Amino acid sequence: MNFEKLDVWKKSARLSAELYKATADLRDYGFRDQLTRSGLSVPSNIAEGMTRSSKKEKCRFLEIARSSLAEARTQIYIGIDIGYLSSTEGKNWLEQTHHISMMITGLMKAVESNE
């Protein structure tokens, strides 16, 4: 399966780019680095997982992607709370992470049942 055709990969890559752009001027480099790394990990692990040959490996990388997404979601909540991220933008990202997480779960179920 070509990961580049997956909507979940496209949405997570777009979210990662949004996180980078929105935090480019943030002076708290530790927070910015942690948020952008966790965001970048999601599409990267989807891509890596979907190029693996066994369903066990595919699901393992998809699980890592979903876990990284939960990490990013946590950082978004904190970023909103401490004023690093706007409430409007942050809430939009929280909705996106929730939707992407459901998509990853669905992809994992599809991988498990199709192979």
N, C-alpha and C. Protein backbone atom coordinates (compact mmCIF):
# COMPACT_ATOMS: atom_id res chain seq x y z
N MET A 1 0.85 -1.19 0.00
CA MET A 1 0.00 0.00 0.00
C MET A 1 0.90 1.25 0.00
N ASN A 2 0.62 2.16 -0.89
CA ASN A 2 1.40 3.38 -1.03
C ASN A 2 0.94 4.40 0.04
N PHE A 3 1.82 4.68 0.98
CA PHE A 3 1.45 5.58 2.08
C PHE A 3 1.07 6.97 1.58
N GLU A 4 1.65 7.41 0.47
CA GLU A 4 1.38 8.76 -0.04
C GLU A 4 -0.06 8.94 -0.52
N LYS A 5 -0.76 7.84 -0.73
CA LYS A 5 -2.16 7.90 -1.14
C LYS A 5 -3.12 7.85 0.04
N LEU A 6 -2.60 7.61 1.22
CA LEU A 6 -3.45 7.48 2.42
C LEU A 6 -3.85 8.86 2.95
N ASP A 7 -5.14 9.06 3.14
CA ASP A 7 -5.62 10.32 3.70
C ASP A 7 -5.04 10.59 5.08
N VAL A 8 -4.87 9.54 5.87
CA VAL A 8 -4.32 9.73 7.22
C VAL A 8 -2.88 10.24 7.16
N TRP A 9 -2.11 9.78 6.21
CA TRP A 9 -0.75 10.28 6.06
C TRP A 9 -0.77 11.74 5.61
N LYS A 10 -1.64 12.05 4.63
CA LYS A 10 -1.74 13.42 4.13
C LYS A 10 -2.15 14.39 5.24
N LYS A 11 -3.16 14.01 6.01
CA LYS A 11 -3.65 14.88 7.09
C LYS A 11 -2.59 15.07 8.17
N SER A 12 -1.90 14.00 8.53
CA SER A 12 -0.88 14.12 9.58
C SER A 12 0.33 14.90 9.10
N ALA A 13 0.70 14.77 7.83
CA ALA A 13 1.80 15.56 7.29
C ALA A 13 1.43 17.04 7.25
N ARG A 14 0.18 17.34 6.90
CA ARG A 14 -0.29 18.73 6.87
C ARG A 14 -0.28 19.31 8.29
N LEU A 15 -0.74 18.52 9.27
CA LEU A 15 -0.73 18.99 10.65
C LEU A 15 0.71 19.27 11.11
N SER A 16 1.62 18.39 10.78
CA SER A 16 3.02 18.59 11.16
C SER A 16 3.56 19.90 10.58
N ALA A 17 3.26 20.16 9.33
CA ALA A 17 3.70 21.41 8.70
C ALA A 17 3.08 22.62 9.39
N GLU A 18 1.80 22.52 9.75
CA GLU A 18 1.13 23.61 10.46
C GLU A 18 1.79 23.89 11.80
N LEU A 19 2.16 22.84 12.52
CA LEU A 19 2.82 23.01 13.82
C LEU A 19 4.16 23.72 13.65
N TYR A 20 4.92 23.32 12.65
CA TYR A 20 6.21 23.98 12.38
C TYR A 20 6.02 25.46 12.08
N LYS A 21 5.09 25.76 11.19
CA LYS A 21 4.86 27.15 10.79
C LYS A 21 4.39 28.00 11.96
N ALA A 22 3.46 27.47 12.75
CA ALA A 22 2.87 28.25 13.84
C ALA A 22 3.84 28.51 14.98
N THR A 23 4.83 27.65 15.14
CA THR A 23 5.75 27.80 16.27
C THR A 23 7.13 28.30 15.85
N ALA A 24 7.27 28.71 14.59
CA ALA A 24 8.57 29.12 14.07
C ALA A 24 9.21 30.24 14.88
N ASP A 25 8.40 31.15 15.42
CA ASP A 25 8.95 32.29 16.16
C ASP A 25 8.91 32.10 17.67
N LEU A 26 8.50 30.93 18.12
CA LEU A 26 8.42 30.66 19.56
C LEU A 26 9.83 30.56 20.14
N ARG A 27 10.07 31.35 21.19
CA ARG A 27 11.42 31.40 21.77
C ARG A 27 11.71 30.27 22.75
N ASP A 28 10.69 29.57 23.19
CA ASP A 28 10.90 28.41 24.06
C ASP A 28 11.25 27.23 23.14
N TYR A 29 12.55 27.11 22.88
CA TYR A 29 13.01 26.13 21.90
C TYR A 29 12.73 24.70 22.35
N GLY A 30 12.77 24.45 23.64
CA GLY A 30 12.49 23.10 24.14
C GLY A 30 11.06 22.69 23.85
N PHE A 31 10.12 23.59 24.13
CA PHE A 31 8.71 23.28 23.87
C PHE A 31 8.48 23.13 22.37
N ARG A 32 8.99 24.07 21.60
CA ARG A 32 8.81 24.03 20.14
C ARG A 32 9.39 22.75 19.55
N ASP A 33 10.58 22.38 19.99
CA ASP A 33 11.24 21.18 19.49
C ASP A 33 10.43 19.93 19.83
N GLN A 34 9.95 19.85 21.06
CA GLN A 34 9.19 18.67 21.48
C GLN A 34 7.89 18.55 20.69
N LEU A 35 7.18 19.66 20.51
CA LEU A 35 5.93 19.65 19.77
C LEU A 35 6.15 19.30 18.29
N THR A 36 7.13 19.92 17.68
CA THR A 36 7.35 19.65 16.25
C THR A 36 7.88 18.24 16.03
N ARG A 37 8.68 17.74 16.95
CA ARG A 37 9.18 16.36 16.82
C ARG A 37 8.06 15.34 16.94
N SER A 38 7.19 15.52 17.91
CA SER A 38 6.08 14.57 18.06
C SER A 38 5.14 14.66 16.87
N GLY A 39 4.91 15.87 16.37
CA GLY A 39 4.07 16.02 15.18
C GLY A 39 4.69 15.40 13.94
N LEU A 40 5.98 15.55 13.78
CA LEU A 40 6.70 14.99 12.64
C LEU A 40 6.75 13.46 12.70
N SER A 41 6.75 12.93 13.89
CA SER A 41 6.82 11.49 14.08
C SER A 41 5.58 10.77 13.53
N VAL A 42 4.44 11.44 13.53
CA VAL A 42 3.20 10.78 13.12
C VAL A 42 3.25 10.36 11.64
N PRO A 43 3.37 11.30 10.69
CA PRO A 43 3.41 10.86 9.29
C PRO A 43 4.65 10.01 8.96
N SER A 44 5.74 10.28 9.66
CA SER A 44 6.96 9.51 9.41
C SER A 44 6.77 8.04 9.76
N ASN A 45 6.14 7.77 10.90
CA ASN A 45 5.90 6.39 11.30
C ASN A 45 4.82 5.72 10.48
N ILE A 46 3.83 6.48 10.03
CA ILE A 46 2.83 5.91 9.12
C ILE A 46 3.55 5.46 7.84
N ALA A 47 4.39 6.33 7.30
CA ALA A 47 5.12 6.01 6.07
C ALA A 47 6.01 4.78 6.28
N GLU A 48 6.77 4.78 7.36
CA GLU A 48 7.66 3.66 7.60
C GLU A 48 6.89 2.36 7.81
N GLY A 49 5.82 2.44 8.55
CA GLY A 49 5.03 1.23 8.81
C GLY A 49 4.41 0.65 7.56
N MET A 50 3.89 1.52 6.71
CA MET A 50 3.20 1.02 5.53
C MET A 50 4.16 0.47 4.48
N THR A 51 5.46 0.69 4.64
CA THR A 51 6.42 0.09 3.72
C THR A 51 7.00 -1.22 4.26
N ARG A 52 6.61 -1.58 5.47
CA ARG A 52 7.06 -2.85 6.04
C ARG A 52 6.28 -4.01 5.42
N SER A 53 6.89 -5.19 5.46
CA SER A 53 6.28 -6.33 4.77
C SER A 53 5.26 -7.09 5.62
N SER A 54 5.44 -7.13 6.91
CA SER A 54 4.51 -7.92 7.74
C SER A 54 3.47 -7.02 8.39
N LYS A 55 2.30 -7.59 8.62
CA LYS A 55 1.25 -6.81 9.26
C LYS A 55 1.62 -6.46 10.70
N LYS A 56 2.40 -7.34 11.35
CA LYS A 56 2.84 -7.05 12.72
C LYS A 56 3.72 -5.80 12.75
N GLU A 57 4.65 -5.69 11.82
CA GLU A 57 5.51 -4.51 11.76
C GLU A 57 4.71 -3.27 11.37
N LYS A 58 3.80 -3.41 10.41
CA LYS A 58 2.97 -2.27 10.01
C LYS A 58 2.21 -1.74 11.22
N CYS A 59 1.58 -2.64 11.95
CA CYS A 59 0.78 -2.22 13.12
C CYS A 59 1.65 -1.62 14.21
N ARG A 60 2.86 -2.13 14.37
CA ARG A 60 3.77 -1.59 15.39
C ARG A 60 4.09 -0.12 15.09
N PHE A 61 4.39 0.19 13.84
CA PHE A 61 4.71 1.58 13.48
C PHE A 61 3.47 2.47 13.53
N LEU A 62 2.32 1.92 13.18
CA LEU A 62 1.08 2.69 13.29
C LEU A 62 0.78 2.99 14.75
N GLU A 63 1.07 2.05 15.64
CA GLU A 63 0.89 2.28 17.07
C GLU A 63 1.83 3.39 17.56
N ILE A 64 3.05 3.39 17.07
CA ILE A 64 4.00 4.45 17.43
C ILE A 64 3.47 5.80 16.94
N ALA A 65 2.94 5.81 15.72
CA ALA A 65 2.38 7.05 15.17
C ALA A 65 1.24 7.56 16.05
N ARG A 66 0.36 6.64 16.46
CA ARG A 66 -0.78 7.03 17.30
C ARG A 66 -0.30 7.53 18.66
N SER A 67 0.73 6.93 19.20
CA SER A 67 1.29 7.37 20.48
C SER A 67 1.94 8.75 20.35
N SER A 68 2.64 8.98 19.27
CA SER A 68 3.24 10.30 19.03
C SER A 68 2.16 11.36 18.89
N LEU A 69 1.05 10.98 18.30
CA LEU A 69 -0.07 11.90 18.16
C LEU A 69 -0.64 12.28 19.52
N ALA A 70 -0.72 11.30 20.42
CA ALA A 70 -1.19 11.58 21.79
C ALA A 70 -0.21 12.51 22.50
N GLU A 71 1.07 12.33 22.24
CA GLU A 71 2.09 13.22 22.82
C GLU A 71 1.90 14.64 22.30
N ALA A 72 1.71 14.78 20.99
CA ALA A 72 1.49 16.11 20.41
C ALA A 72 0.22 16.74 20.98
N ARG A 73 -0.82 15.94 21.12
CA ARG A 73 -2.09 16.45 21.67
C ARG A 73 -1.87 17.00 23.09
N THR A 74 -1.10 16.29 23.88
CA THR A 74 -0.79 16.74 25.24
C THR A 74 -0.05 18.07 25.21
N GLN A 75 0.91 18.19 24.32
CA GLN A 75 1.68 19.42 24.21
C GLN A 75 0.82 20.59 23.71
N ILE A 76 -0.14 20.29 22.86
CA ILE A 76 -1.06 21.34 22.38
C ILE A 76 -1.90 21.84 23.55
N TYR A 77 -2.43 20.93 24.36
CA TYR A 77 -3.20 21.35 25.54
C TYR A 77 -2.36 22.27 26.43
N ILE A 78 -1.13 21.86 26.68
CA ILE A 78 -0.24 22.65 27.54
C ILE A 78 0.08 23.99 26.88
N GLY A 79 0.36 23.96 25.57
CA GLY A 79 0.67 25.18 24.85
C GLY A 79 -0.46 26.20 24.90
N ILE A 80 -1.69 25.72 24.83
CA ILE A 80 -2.85 26.61 24.95
C ILE A 80 -2.90 27.18 26.37
N ASP A 81 -2.72 26.31 27.34
CA ASP A 81 -2.84 26.71 28.75
C ASP A 81 -1.80 27.74 29.15
N ILE A 82 -0.60 27.65 28.61
CA ILE A 82 0.45 28.60 29.00
C ILE A 82 0.57 29.78 28.04
N GLY A 83 -0.31 29.82 27.05
CA GLY A 83 -0.35 30.96 26.15
C GLY A 83 0.61 30.92 24.98
N TYR A 84 1.24 29.78 24.73
CA TYR A 84 2.13 29.65 23.59
C TYR A 84 1.35 29.48 22.29
N LEU A 85 0.18 28.87 22.38
CA LEU A 85 -0.65 28.61 21.22
C LEU A 85 -2.00 29.29 21.40
N SER A 86 -2.53 29.83 20.33
CA SER A 86 -3.84 30.47 20.44
C SER A 86 -4.91 29.40 20.69
N SER A 87 -5.90 29.77 21.43
CA SER A 87 -6.97 28.84 21.77
C SER A 87 -7.68 28.33 20.52
N THR A 88 -7.95 29.21 19.59
CA THR A 88 -8.65 28.83 18.36
C THR A 88 -7.84 27.84 17.55
N GLU A 89 -6.58 28.18 17.32
CA GLU A 89 -5.71 27.32 16.55
C GLU A 89 -5.48 25.98 17.28
N GLY A 90 -5.25 26.06 18.57
CA GLY A 90 -5.02 24.86 19.36
C GLY A 90 -6.22 23.92 19.36
N LYS A 91 -7.42 24.48 19.51
CA LYS A 91 -8.62 23.63 19.48
C LYS A 91 -8.80 22.97 18.12
N ASN A 92 -8.47 23.68 17.06
CA ASN A 92 -8.53 23.09 15.72
C ASN A 92 -7.56 21.91 15.63
N TRP A 93 -6.35 22.09 16.14
CA TRP A 93 -5.37 21.01 16.11
C TRP A 93 -5.81 19.83 16.97
N LEU A 94 -6.44 20.12 18.11
CA LEU A 94 -6.94 19.03 18.95
C LEU A 94 -7.99 18.21 18.21
N GLU A 95 -8.86 18.89 17.49
CA GLU A 95 -9.86 18.17 16.68
C GLU A 95 -9.17 17.34 15.60
N GLN A 96 -8.17 17.92 14.97
CA GLN A 96 -7.45 17.18 13.94
C GLN A 96 -6.77 15.94 14.52
N THR A 97 -6.14 16.08 15.68
CA THR A 97 -5.45 14.94 16.28
C THR A 97 -6.44 13.84 16.65
N HIS A 98 -7.61 14.23 17.12
CA HIS A 98 -8.63 13.23 17.46
C HIS A 98 -9.05 12.48 16.19
N HIS A 99 -9.30 13.21 15.13
CA HIS A 99 -9.72 12.59 13.87
C HIS A 99 -8.61 11.70 13.30
N ILE A 100 -7.38 12.18 13.30
CA ILE A 100 -6.26 11.39 12.79
C ILE A 100 -6.07 10.13 13.60
N SER A 101 -6.23 10.22 14.91
CA SER A 101 -6.11 9.03 15.77
C SER A 101 -7.13 7.97 15.39
N MET A 102 -8.36 8.40 15.14
CA MET A 102 -9.39 7.45 14.71
C MET A 102 -9.04 6.83 13.36
N MET A 103 -8.47 7.64 12.47
CA MET A 103 -8.06 7.13 11.17
C MET A 103 -6.94 6.10 11.29
N ILE A 104 -5.98 6.35 12.17
CA ILE A 104 -4.89 5.39 12.39
C ILE A 104 -5.46 4.09 12.94
N THR A 105 -6.37 4.19 13.89
CA THR A 105 -6.99 2.98 14.46
C THR A 105 -7.71 2.19 13.36
N GLY A 106 -8.43 2.89 12.50
CA GLY A 106 -9.10 2.22 11.39
C GLY A 106 -8.13 1.56 10.44
N LEU A 107 -7.01 2.23 10.16
CA LEU A 107 -5.98 1.66 9.29
C LEU A 107 -5.38 0.41 9.92
N MET A 108 -5.14 0.46 11.21
CA MET A 108 -4.60 -0.71 11.91
C MET A 108 -5.56 -1.90 11.78
N LYS A 109 -6.84 -1.65 11.95
CA LYS A 109 -7.84 -2.74 11.82
C LYS A 109 -7.85 -3.28 10.40
N ALA A 110 -7.74 -2.39 9.41
CA ALA A 110 -7.71 -2.83 8.01
C ALA A 110 -6.48 -3.67 7.72
N VAL A 111 -5.33 -3.25 8.24
CA VAL A 111 -4.10 -4.01 8.04
C VAL A 111 -4.23 -5.39 8.67
N GLU A 112 -4.74 -5.45 9.89
CA GLU A 112 -4.87 -6.72 10.59
C GLU A 112 -5.83 -7.67 9.87
N SER A 113 -6.89 -7.16 9.30
CA SER A 113 -7.89 -8.03 8.68
C SER A 113 -7.57 -8.38 7.22
N ASN A 114 -6.76 -7.58 6.56
CA ASN A 114 -6.49 -7.81 5.13
C ASN A 114 -5.30 -8.69 4.86
N GLU A 115 -4.50 -8.96 5.83
CA GLU A 115 -3.29 -9.75 5.53
C GLU A 115 -3.32 -11.07 6.24
